[in-house]
Amino acid sequence: MKLRYTPRALLDLTEIHDHIAHENRQVARRVVSLIRKEAEKLQLNPGIGRLGRVEGTRELVIGRYPFIVAYTVAVKEIQVLAVVHTSMLWPDLF
């Protein structure tokens, strides 16, 4: 399956990087890299995430960091909708 990031998800990753980079650029790169690496696992097993709070979505919890990847699964594609910090209010829609 192909993994595709929506513009919103890419913006989320950029904002995560920029926020962390104010303190440490190397750590910022490492965190974003780990989030992407964890999301890549969805290609082999799209069902590993839990059922999402928004209907029709699933959520992959990033274990080492306080982020959740919201995604949908289609026939040949996994679409990453957003990357949300666990302290943020969950959106009603993506």
Foldseek 3Di string as FASTA:
>chain_A
DAEAEDPQAVVQLVVQQVVCVVPPNVVSVVVSVLVVVQVVVCQVPVPPFDQDPAPQWGWDQRPVFQWIFIWHDDDNYIYGYHIDGNVDDDDNHD
